[in-house]
Amino acid sequence: MKIITSAIAFAVQLLPLFEGSPEIPEVGDMAAHLGLMINDPAETISCKARACVYLLAEILLHQRGQDMRGAEGLRCKRQNDQSQVQKYRDLARVGEGLRKILLEEQRRAFLQRALHAVHNGPMHISQAGLIFLYAILGEAGRLMGHKEKEIPIRVLNKLFIITCLKELPKDLQGHSLLVTSSSALASLQPPTLAPAVTPADHLHPDSPSLSEDDLPNLTGSPTAT
């Protein structure tokens, strides 16, 4: 993270020498990699990731002839006493900001990295990947536009649908960017192994009875089966 931050900061200093616009899809993948580290438990990693996202946005805006002040919305300071919901909102804000800056192919690469994180990361990475998935598709409001106490439950519901049921949540099905991202959709194909035992009704993501009492079962509590 220190090396990446230094390299990007140096690139910003050389901005007047740059020509053209960085359009390679890998820029979207890099943005997602950095964004996933924003709420890393390690303070130094988190701070470096936040600085990198902001600097990368400055470069992209400059090379596209846009006002670099458009990156200001991606500035966010780490607060140790932040609630989980506020962390979610910060991630959604960053994801929505990047959505406005990245080109379509870059958004597609960002989307694929976010889906990979949902399936393969530890809990804080998987949750960040899910929020970025919604944000890059312009659907962050479907997660954040609810009462504060409902947001963590909704996030875990969506994670359950994607990782356990191998389906897209209904509010994302048919989205154009997903439809054209075959490699992203491939990760959602049902497993070929024998189906697992059907989960209890009270843990089903579409069940109205899912509540805060069920959170330990979905977050890997030692008492969870």
C-alpha atoms as a PDB file:
ATOM      1  CA  MET A   1       0.000   0.000   0.000  1.00  0.00           C
ATOM      2  CA  LYS A   2       2.859   2.396   0.766  1.00  0.00           C
ATOM      3  CA  ILE A   3       4.468   1.719  -2.617  1.00  0.00           C
ATOM      4  CA  ILE A   4       1.189   2.170  -4.504  1.00  0.00           C
ATOM      5  CA  THR A   5       0.396   5.377  -2.627  1.00  0.00           C
ATOM      6  CA  SER A   6       3.828   6.822  -3.380  1.00  0.00           C
ATOM      7  CA  ALA A   7       3.600   5.890  -7.064  1.00  0.00           C
ATOM      8  CA  ILE A   8       0.162   7.424  -7.523  1.00  0.00           C
ATOM      9  CA  ALA A   9       1.114  10.562  -5.581  1.00  0.00           C
ATOM     10  CA  PHE A  10       4.166  10.946  -7.849  1.00  0.00           C
ATOM     11  CA  ALA A  11       1.933  10.538 -10.911  1.00  0.00           C
ATOM     12  CA  VAL A  12      -0.296  13.376  -9.687  1.00  0.00           C
ATOM     13  CA  GLN A  13       2.761  15.644  -9.470  1.00  0.00           C
ATOM     14  CA  LEU A  14       3.490  14.873 -13.140  1.00  0.00           C
ATOM     15  CA  LEU A  15      -0.080  15.492 -14.339  1.00  0.00           C
ATOM     16  CA  PRO A  16       0.803  18.360 -16.736  1.00  0.00           C
ATOM     17  CA  LEU A  17       3.038  15.931 -18.647  1.00  0.00           C
ATOM     18  CA  PHE A  18       0.306  13.349 -19.231  1.00  0.00           C
ATOM     19  CA  GLU A  19      -1.573  13.162 -22.512  1.00  0.00           C
ATOM     20  CA  GLY A  20      -4.655  11.237 -23.511  1.00  0.00           C
ATOM     21  CA  SER A  21      -6.995   9.349 -21.223  1.00  0.00           C
ATOM     22  CA  PRO A  22      -6.361   6.116 -19.301  1.00  0.00           C
ATOM     23  CA  GLU A  23      -9.060   3.854 -20.682  1.00  0.00           C
ATOM     24  CA  ILE A  24      -7.688   0.395 -19.912  1.00  0.00           C
ATOM     25  CA  PRO A  25     -10.117  -1.828 -17.958  1.00  0.00           C
ATOM     26  CA  GLU A  26      -7.433  -2.638 -15.390  1.00  0.00           C
ATOM     27  CA  VAL A  27      -7.933   0.822 -13.898  1.00  0.00           C
ATOM     28  CA  GLY A  28     -11.338  -0.325 -12.692  1.00  0.00           C
ATOM     29  CA  ASP A  29      -9.826  -3.419 -11.124  1.00  0.00           C
ATOM     30  CA  MET A  30      -7.223  -1.296  -9.329  1.00  0.00           C
ATOM     31  CA  ALA A  31      -9.911   1.072  -8.048  1.00  0.00           C
ATOM     32  CA  ALA A  32     -11.865  -1.860  -6.632  1.00  0.00           C
ATOM     33  CA  HIS A  33      -8.754  -3.363  -5.013  1.00  0.00           C
ATOM     34  CA  LEU A  34      -8.054  -0.074  -3.268  1.00  0.00           C
ATOM     35  CA  GLY A  35     -11.657   0.515  -2.297  1.00  0.00           C
ATOM     36  CA  LEU A  36     -11.961  -2.876  -0.630  1.00  0.00           C
ATOM     37  CA  MET A  37      -9.185  -1.854   1.758  1.00  0.00           C
ATOM     38  CA  ILE A  38     -10.868   1.381   2.890  1.00  0.00           C
ATOM     39  CA  ASN A  39     -12.299  -0.159   6.056  1.00  0.00           C
ATOM     40  CA  ASP A  40      -9.410  -2.505   6.751  1.00  0.00           C
ATOM     41  CA  PRO A  41      -8.955  -3.063  10.508  1.00  0.00           C
ATOM     42  CA  ALA A  42      -5.330  -1.928  10.167  1.00  0.00           C
ATOM     43  CA  GLU A  43      -5.337   1.873  10.383  1.00  0.00           C
ATOM     44  CA  THR A  44      -2.270   2.323   8.160  1.00  0.00           C
ATOM     45  CA  ILE A  45      -3.726   0.178   5.373  1.00  0.00           C
ATOM     46  CA  SER A  46      -7.062   1.967   5.580  1.00  0.00           C
ATOM     47  CA  CYS A  47      -5.488   5.435   5.393  1.00  0.00           C
ATOM     48  CA  LYS A  48      -3.263   4.499   2.457  1.00  0.00           C
ATOM     49  CA  ALA A  49      -6.201   2.973   0.575  1.00  0.00           C
ATOM     50  CA  ARG A  50      -8.315   6.099   1.075  1.00  0.00           C
ATOM     51  CA  ALA A  51      -5.476   8.320  -0.121  1.00  0.00           C
ATOM     52  CA  CYS A  52      -4.923   6.109  -3.182  1.00  0.00           C
ATOM     53  CA  VAL A  53      -8.581   6.147  -4.216  1.00  0.00           C
ATOM     54  CA  TYR A  54      -8.628   9.942  -4.029  1.00  0.00           C
ATOM     55  CA  LEU A  55      -5.370  10.332  -5.986  1.00  0.00           C
ATOM     56  CA  LEU A  56      -6.445   7.836  -8.644  1.00  0.00           C
ATOM     57  CA  ALA A  57      -9.685   9.764  -9.106  1.00  0.00           C
ATOM     58  CA  GLU A  58      -7.691  13.006  -9.527  1.00  0.00           C
ATOM     59  CA  ILE A  59      -5.608  11.428 -12.287  1.00  0.00           C
ATOM     60  CA  LEU A  60      -8.642  10.095 -14.147  1.00  0.00           C
ATOM     61  CA  LEU A  61     -10.513  13.384 -13.941  1.00  0.00           C
ATOM     62  CA  HIS A  62      -7.500  15.383 -15.096  1.00  0.00           C
ATOM     63  CA  GLN A  63      -6.783  13.149 -18.074  1.00  0.00           C
ATOM     64  CA  ARG A  64     -10.395  13.375 -19.179  1.00  0.00           C
ATOM     65  CA  GLY A  65     -10.320  17.145 -19.036  1.00  0.00           C
ATOM     66  CA  GLN A  66     -12.652  17.349 -16.055  1.00  0.00           C
ATOM     67  CA  ASP A  67     -12.381  19.408 -12.898  1.00  0.00           C
ATOM     68  CA  MET A  68     -10.172  17.541 -10.429  1.00  0.00           C
ATOM     69  CA  ARG A  69     -12.280  18.931  -7.605  1.00  0.00           C
ATOM     70  CA  GLY A  70     -14.770  16.251  -8.586  1.00  0.00           C
ATOM     71  CA  ALA A  71     -12.605  13.843  -6.577  1.00  0.00           C
ATOM     72  CA  GLU A  72     -13.266  15.715  -3.340  1.00  0.00           C
ATOM     73  CA  GLY A  73     -16.317  13.578  -2.653  1.00  0.00           C
ATOM     74  CA  LEU A  74     -14.042  10.563  -2.285  1.00  0.00           C
ATOM     75  CA  ARG A  75     -12.110  12.112   0.579  1.00  0.00           C
ATOM     76  CA  CYS A  76     -13.042  10.479   3.869  1.00  0.00           C
ATOM     77  CA  LYS A  77     -11.219  10.309   7.167  1.00  0.00           C
ATOM     78  CA  ARG A  78     -11.078   7.108   9.143  1.00  0.00           C
ATOM     79  CA  GLN A  79     -12.908   7.337  12.457  1.00  0.00           C
ATOM     80  CA  ASN A  80     -12.261   4.560  14.932  1.00  0.00           C
ATOM     81  CA  ASP A  81     -15.611   5.045  16.627  1.00  0.00           C
ATOM     82  CA  GLN A  82     -17.623   4.902  13.386  1.00  0.00           C
ATOM     83  CA  SER A  83     -20.696   2.717  13.503  1.00  0.00           C
ATOM     84  CA  GLN A  84     -20.946  -0.192  11.083  1.00  0.00           C
ATOM     85  CA  VAL A  85     -23.738   1.580   9.234  1.00  0.00           C
ATOM     86  CA  GLN A  86     -21.601   4.704   8.763  1.00  0.00           C
ATOM     87  CA  LYS A  87     -18.815   2.539   7.346  1.00  0.00           C
ATOM     88  CA  TYR A  88     -21.318   1.077   4.904  1.00  0.00           C
ATOM     89  CA  ARG A  89     -22.408   4.574   3.888  1.00  0.00           C
ATOM     90  CA  ASP A  90     -18.806   5.691   3.348  1.00  0.00           C
ATOM     91  CA  LEU A  91     -18.203   2.693   1.079  1.00  0.00           C
ATOM     92  CA  ALA A  92     -21.386   3.405  -0.864  1.00  0.00           C
ATOM     93  CA  ARG A  93     -20.351   7.046  -1.306  1.00  0.00           C
ATOM     94  CA  VAL A  94     -16.933   6.023  -2.641  1.00  0.00           C
ATOM     95  CA  GLY A  95     -18.474   3.427  -4.955  1.00  0.00           C
ATOM     96  CA  GLU A  96     -20.962   5.939  -6.342  1.00  0.00           C
ATOM     97  CA  GLY A  97     -18.191   8.484  -6.828  1.00  0.00           C
ATOM     98  CA  LEU A  98     -16.076   6.005  -8.780  1.00  0.00           C
ATOM     99  CA  ARG A  99     -19.093   5.003 -10.856  1.00  0.00           C
ATOM    100  CA  LYS A 100     -19.268   8.574 -12.162  1.00  0.00           C
ATOM    101  CA  ILE A 101     -15.561   8.598 -13.053  1.00  0.00           C
ATOM    102  CA  LEU A 102     -14.863   5.122 -14.462  1.00  0.00           C
ATOM    103  CA  LEU A 103     -15.648   4.217 -18.060  1.00  0.00           C
ATOM    104  CA  GLU A 104     -18.002   1.327 -18.815  1.00  0.00           C
ATOM    105  CA  GLU A 105     -15.267  -1.269 -19.320  1.00  0.00           C
ATOM    106  CA  GLN A 106     -13.586  -0.091 -16.141  1.00  0.00           C
ATOM    107  CA  ARG A 107     -16.878  -0.323 -14.257  1.00  0.00           C
ATOM    108  CA  ARG A 108     -17.210  -3.874 -15.535  1.00  0.00           C
ATOM    109  CA  ALA A 109     -13.732  -4.753 -14.231  1.00  0.00           C
ATOM    110  CA  PHE A 110     -14.604  -3.064 -10.924  1.00  0.00           C
ATOM    111  CA  LEU A 111     -17.811  -5.102 -10.770  1.00  0.00           C
ATOM    112  CA  GLN A 112     -15.996  -8.388 -11.334  1.00  0.00           C
ATOM    113  CA  ARG A 113     -13.494  -7.618  -8.572  1.00  0.00           C
ATOM    114  CA  ALA A 114     -16.338  -6.709  -6.203  1.00  0.00           C
ATOM    115  CA  LEU A 115     -18.133  -9.988  -6.911  1.00  0.00           C
ATOM    116  CA  HIS A 116     -14.896 -11.896  -6.370  1.00  0.00           C
ATOM    117  CA  ALA A 117     -14.533 -10.194  -2.992  1.00  0.00           C
ATOM    118  CA  VAL A 118     -18.096 -11.148  -2.041  1.00  0.00           C
ATOM    119  CA  HIS A 119     -17.295 -14.812  -2.633  1.00  0.00           C
ATOM    120  CA  ASN A 120     -13.713 -15.022  -1.420  1.00  0.00           C
ATOM    121  CA  GLY A 121     -13.011 -12.368   1.196  1.00  0.00           C
ATOM    122  CA  PRO A 122     -13.271 -12.351   4.979  1.00  0.00           C
ATOM    123  CA  MET A 123     -16.499 -10.854   6.310  1.00  0.00           C
ATOM    124  CA  HIS A 124     -15.456  -7.172   6.196  1.00  0.00           C
ATOM    125  CA  ILE A 125     -14.157  -7.606   2.635  1.00  0.00           C
ATOM    126  CA  SER A 126     -17.249  -9.512   1.490  1.00  0.00           C
ATOM    127  CA  GLN A 127     -19.527  -6.810   2.860  1.00  0.00           C
ATOM    128  CA  ALA A 128     -17.458  -4.077   1.194  1.00  0.00           C
ATOM    129  CA  GLY A 129     -17.615  -6.012  -2.088  1.00  0.00           C
ATOM    130  CA  LEU A 130     -21.393  -6.247  -1.854  1.00  0.00           C
ATOM    131  CA  ILE A 131     -21.804  -2.523  -1.215  1.00  0.00           C
ATOM    132  CA  PHE A 132     -19.469  -1.695  -4.112  1.00  0.00           C
ATOM    133  CA  LEU A 133     -21.423  -4.125  -6.291  1.00  0.00           C
ATOM    134  CA  TYR A 134     -24.626  -2.184  -5.638  1.00  0.00           C
ATOM    135  CA  ALA A 135     -22.899   1.213  -5.888  1.00  0.00           C
ATOM    136  CA  ILE A 136     -21.168   0.555  -9.218  1.00  0.00           C
ATOM    137  CA  LEU A 137     -24.544  -0.524 -10.641  1.00  0.00           C
ATOM    138  CA  GLY A 138     -26.179   2.650  -9.352  1.00  0.00           C
ATOM    139  CA  GLU A 139     -28.319   0.744  -6.865  1.00  0.00           C
ATOM    140  CA  ALA A 140     -26.715   1.712  -3.541  1.00  0.00           C
ATOM    141  CA  GLY A 141     -29.998   3.251  -2.411  1.00  0.00           C
ATOM    142  CA  ARG A 142     -31.525  -0.234  -2.252  1.00  0.00           C
ATOM    143  CA  LEU A 143     -29.132  -1.018   0.592  1.00  0.00           C
ATOM    144  CA  MET A 144     -28.690   2.362   2.250  1.00  0.00           C
ATOM    145  CA  GLY A 145     -32.160   3.820   1.799  1.00  0.00           C
ATOM    146  CA  HIS A 146     -33.631   2.182   4.881  1.00  0.00           C
ATOM    147  CA  LYS A 147     -33.829   2.650   8.615  1.00  0.00           C
ATOM    148  CA  GLU A 148     -30.369   2.416  10.152  1.00  0.00           C
ATOM    149  CA  LYS A 149     -31.062  -0.768  12.117  1.00  0.00           C
ATOM    150  CA  GLU A 150     -32.308  -2.507   8.961  1.00  0.00           C
ATOM    151  CA  ILE A 151     -29.181  -1.871   6.883  1.00  0.00           C
ATOM    152  CA  PRO A 152     -26.853  -4.535   8.425  1.00  0.00           C
ATOM    153  CA  ILE A 153     -29.591  -7.165   8.162  1.00  0.00           C
ATOM    154  CA  ARG A 154     -30.247  -6.233   4.538  1.00  0.00           C
ATOM    155  CA  VAL A 155     -26.525  -6.432   3.684  1.00  0.00           C
ATOM    156  CA  LEU A 156     -26.257  -9.908   5.212  1.00  0.00           C
ATOM    157  CA  ASN A 157     -29.447 -10.998   3.427  1.00  0.00           C
ATOM    158  CA  LYS A 158     -27.933 -10.049   0.066  1.00  0.00           C
ATOM    159  CA  LEU A 159     -24.668 -11.805   0.907  1.00  0.00           C
ATOM    160  CA  PHE A 160     -26.602 -14.963   1.752  1.00  0.00           C
ATOM    161  CA  ILE A 161     -28.462 -14.879  -1.572  1.00  0.00           C
ATOM    162  CA  ILE A 162     -25.265 -14.481  -3.614  1.00  0.00           C
ATOM    163  CA  THR A 163     -22.866 -16.759  -1.755  1.00  0.00           C
ATOM    164  CA  CYS A 164     -25.194 -19.517  -0.533  1.00  0.00           C
ATOM    165  CA  LEU A 165     -28.057 -19.572  -3.006  1.00  0.00           C
ATOM    166  CA  LYS A 166     -25.769 -18.662  -5.933  1.00  0.00           C
ATOM    167  CA  GLU A 167     -28.325 -16.160  -7.227  1.00  0.00           C
ATOM    168  CA  LEU A 168     -28.472 -12.473  -7.884  1.00  0.00           C
ATOM    169  CA  PRO A 169     -30.785 -10.530  -5.572  1.00  0.00           C
ATOM    170  CA  LYS A 170     -34.000  -9.630  -7.396  1.00  0.00           C
ATOM    171  CA  ASP A 171     -33.145  -5.934  -7.366  1.00  0.00           C
ATOM    172  CA  LEU A 172     -30.029  -6.612  -9.481  1.00  0.00           C
ATOM    173  CA  GLN A 173     -31.387  -9.163 -11.927  1.00  0.00           C
ATOM    174  CA  GLY A 174     -31.370  -8.022 -15.536  1.00  0.00           C
ATOM    175  CA  HIS A 175     -29.011  -5.102 -14.937  1.00  0.00           C
ATOM    176  CA  SER A 176     -27.329  -4.278 -18.248  1.00  0.00           C
ATOM    177  CA  LEU A 177     -23.790  -4.119 -16.856  1.00  0.00           C
ATOM    178  CA  LEU A 178     -24.197  -7.546 -15.258  1.00  0.00           C
ATOM    179  CA  VAL A 179     -25.758  -9.072 -18.356  1.00  0.00           C
ATOM    180  CA  THR A 180     -22.726  -8.068 -20.426  1.00  0.00           C
ATOM    181  CA  SER A 181     -20.263  -9.338 -17.799  1.00  0.00           C
ATOM    182  CA  SER A 182     -20.230 -13.058 -18.489  1.00  0.00           C
ATOM    183  CA  SER A 183     -17.271 -13.757 -16.203  1.00  0.00           C
ATOM    184  CA  ALA A 184     -19.068 -12.002 -13.351  1.00  0.00           C
ATOM    185  CA  LEU A 185     -22.236 -14.027 -13.843  1.00  0.00           C
ATOM    186  CA  ALA A 186     -20.243 -17.267 -14.083  1.00  0.00           C
ATOM    187  CA  SER A 187     -19.424 -16.988 -10.382  1.00  0.00           C
ATOM    188  CA  LEU A 188     -23.147 -17.136  -9.623  1.00  0.00           C
ATOM    189  CA  GLN A 189     -23.794 -20.440 -11.391  1.00  0.00           C
ATOM    190  CA  PRO A 190     -25.273 -23.074  -9.066  1.00  0.00           C
ATOM    191  CA  PRO A 191     -22.725 -25.624  -7.788  1.00  0.00           C
ATOM    192  CA  THR A 192     -22.694 -29.047  -9.451  1.00  0.00           C
ATOM    193  CA  LEU A 193     -22.454 -30.879  -6.130  1.00  0.00           C
ATOM    194  CA  ALA A 194     -25.488 -32.333  -4.404  1.00  0.00           C
ATOM    195  CA  PRO A 195     -27.636 -29.592  -2.889  1.00  0.00           C
ATOM    196  CA  ALA A 196     -27.166 -28.803   0.756  1.00  0.00           C
ATOM    197  CA  VAL A 197     -29.919 -29.116   3.310  1.00  0.00           C
ATOM    198  CA  THR A 198     -32.469 -26.328   2.925  1.00  0.00           C
ATOM    199  CA  PRO A 199     -31.811 -23.640   5.564  1.00  0.00           C
ATOM    200  CA  ALA A 200     -34.328 -23.040   8.292  1.00  0.00           C
ATOM    201  CA  ASP A 201     -37.177 -20.750   7.287  1.00  0.00           C
ATOM    202  CA  HIS A 202     -36.185 -18.127   9.835  1.00  0.00           C
ATOM    203  CA  LEU A 203     -32.776 -17.783   8.168  1.00  0.00           C
ATOM    204  CA  HIS A 204     -34.081 -17.480   4.624  1.00  0.00           C
ATOM    205  CA  PRO A 205     -33.133 -14.067   3.187  1.00  0.00           C
ATOM    206  CA  ASP A 206     -36.665 -13.445   1.918  1.00  0.00           C
ATOM    207  CA  SER A 207     -38.302 -14.346   5.191  1.00  0.00           C
ATOM    208  CA  PRO A 208     -39.872 -11.386   7.010  1.00  0.00           C
ATOM    209  CA  SER A 209     -38.906 -13.004  10.303  1.00  0.00           C
ATOM    210  CA  LEU A 210     -35.173 -12.459   9.737  1.00  0.00           C
ATOM    211  CA  SER A 211     -34.088 -10.133  12.507  1.00  0.00           C
ATOM    212  CA  GLU A 212     -31.129  -8.895  14.518  1.00  0.00           C
ATOM    213  CA  ASP A 213     -31.346 -12.110  16.553  1.00  0.00           C
ATOM    214  CA  ASP A 214     -30.278 -14.020  13.445  1.00  0.00           C
ATOM    215  CA  LEU A 215     -27.138 -11.941  12.818  1.00  0.00           C
ATOM    216  CA  PRO A 216     -24.764 -14.215  14.805  1.00  0.00           C
ATOM    217  CA  ASN A 217     -25.818 -17.161  12.634  1.00  0.00           C
ATOM    218  CA  LEU A 218     -24.957 -15.250   9.467  1.00  0.00           C
ATOM    219  CA  THR A 219     -21.707 -13.702  10.657  1.00  0.00           C
ATOM    220  CA  GLY A 220     -19.879 -16.813  11.785  1.00  0.00           C
ATOM    221  CA  SER A 221     -20.551 -16.788  15.520  1.00  0.00           C
ATOM    222  CA  PRO A 222     -18.945 -19.762  17.365  1.00  0.00           C
ATOM    223  CA  THR A 223     -22.466 -20.822  18.269  1.00  0.00           C
ATOM    224  CA  ALA A 224     -23.610 -20.921  14.650  1.00  0.00           C
ATOM    225  CA  THR A 225     -24.043 -24.274  13.000  1.00  0.00           C
END
